[in-house]
Amino acid sequence: MSIRGKFGDLDDAARTALAGGDPFGVAFTERGTFTCDGSFSVFTFRVEIPAGPDDDEDDAGLAALAALDAHGHPYEVLKTAVTDMRDIKIRRKR
């Protein structure tokens, strides 16, 4: 899931943490990764949410927001996008 948003007031420690980047780059991880502009005003947060057989987009959305909250940065959500990997078909070359 990806969440596009804008940061609230960030303190110096939060700016430093975000400027240091993530060792996973822009990958989808269970902890989530940020990409943001140099002014730390807007961001994209990418997170991998393992889904159970009965989980839907609402469950994924709540789990993604919980992962975003765990980082402790003030934010406002602008847009969300969910890709359910169970729906992706792989075409194999013969």
Protein backbone atom coordinates (compact mmCIF):
# COMPACT_ATOMS: atom_id res chain seq x y z
CA MET A 1 0.00 0.00 0.00
CA SER A 2 1.21 3.52 -0.62
CA ILE A 3 0.10 6.62 1.21
CA ARG A 4 0.71 10.08 -0.18
CA GLY A 5 0.58 12.79 2.44
CA LYS A 6 2.03 15.91 3.89
CA PHE A 7 3.94 16.29 7.11
CA GLY A 8 2.84 18.45 10.02
CA ASP A 9 5.43 20.36 12.04
CA LEU A 10 8.56 18.21 12.22
CA ASP A 11 11.20 18.77 14.87
CA ASP A 12 14.92 18.65 14.06
CA ALA A 13 15.24 15.01 15.19
CA ALA A 14 12.47 13.92 12.80
CA ARG A 15 14.01 15.86 9.90
CA THR A 16 17.38 14.27 10.60
CA ALA A 17 15.85 10.78 10.74
CA LEU A 18 14.02 11.33 7.45
CA ALA A 19 17.09 12.84 5.77
CA GLY A 20 19.10 9.74 6.68
CA GLY A 21 16.84 7.70 4.47
CA ASP A 22 16.07 4.03 4.83
CA PRO A 23 18.56 1.25 4.09
CA PHE A 24 15.84 -0.44 2.01
CA GLY A 25 15.43 2.59 -0.27
CA VAL A 26 11.90 2.90 -1.61
CA ALA A 27 11.01 -0.76 -1.13
CA PHE A 28 7.72 -1.98 0.25
CA THR A 29 8.58 -3.35 3.70
CA GLU A 30 6.44 -4.30 6.69
CA ARG A 31 7.92 -1.38 8.66
CA GLY A 32 7.32 1.01 5.76
CA THR A 33 9.64 3.41 3.95
CA PHE A 34 9.39 7.13 3.25
CA THR A 35 10.34 9.14 0.22
CA CYS A 36 9.98 12.88 0.61
CA ASP A 37 10.99 16.15 -0.94
CA GLY A 38 13.90 18.21 0.35
CA SER A 39 11.61 20.55 2.27
CA PHE A 40 10.01 17.64 4.16
CA SER A 41 6.57 18.93 3.31
CA VAL A 42 5.11 16.02 1.30
CA PHE A 43 5.89 12.31 1.35
CA THR A 44 5.07 8.91 -0.03
CA PHE A 45 4.97 6.07 2.48
CA ARG A 46 5.21 2.53 1.08
CA VAL A 47 4.31 -0.42 3.29
CA GLU A 48 3.78 -4.12 2.72
CA ILE A 49 0.73 -5.49 4.53
CA PRO A 50 0.51 -9.30 4.65
CA ALA A 51 -3.09 -10.21 3.84
CA GLY A 52 -5.11 -13.09 5.13
CA PRO A 53 -7.65 -14.91 2.97
CA ASP A 54 -10.56 -12.79 4.24
CA ASP A 55 -8.77 -9.42 4.46
CA ASP A 56 -9.95 -6.55 2.30
CA GLU A 57 -8.76 -3.04 1.41
CA ASP A 58 -10.16 -1.58 4.62
CA ASP A 59 -8.08 -4.00 6.70
CA ALA A 60 -4.99 -3.11 4.65
CA GLY A 61 -5.69 0.58 5.05
CA LEU A 62 -5.96 0.36 8.83
CA ALA A 63 -2.77 -1.69 9.05
CA ALA A 64 -0.94 0.79 6.80
CA LEU A 65 -2.04 3.74 8.93
CA ALA A 66 -0.88 1.88 12.05
CA ALA A 67 2.54 1.38 10.42
CA LEU A 68 2.66 5.07 9.49
CA ASP A 69 1.65 6.08 13.05
CA ALA A 70 4.45 3.91 14.46
CA HIS A 71 7.00 6.30 12.92
CA GLY A 72 5.60 9.08 15.11
CA HIS A 73 5.68 11.90 12.55
CA PRO A 74 2.71 14.30 12.35
CA TYR A 75 0.97 13.92 8.98
CA GLU A 76 -2.13 14.43 6.89
CA VAL A 77 -3.16 11.78 4.36
CA LEU A 78 -3.79 13.09 0.86
CA LYS A 79 -4.21 9.86 -1.14
CA THR A 80 -3.94 6.10 -0.67
CA ALA A 81 -3.44 3.27 -3.15
CA VAL A 82 -3.73 -0.47 -2.57
CA THR A 83 -2.44 -3.25 -4.81
CA ASP A 84 -3.63 -6.69 -3.81
CA MET A 85 -0.90 -9.04 -4.99
CA ARG A 86 -3.38 -11.94 -4.87
CA ASP A 87 -5.10 -10.40 -7.91
CA ILE A 88 -1.99 -10.14 -10.07
CA LYS A 89 -1.66 -12.75 -12.80
CA ILE A 90 1.78 -13.76 -13.99
CA ARG A 91 2.15 -14.71 -17.62
CA ARG A 92 4.94 -17.18 -18.10
CA LYS A 93 6.75 -17.45 -21.40
CA ARG A 94 6.55 -20.84 -22.99
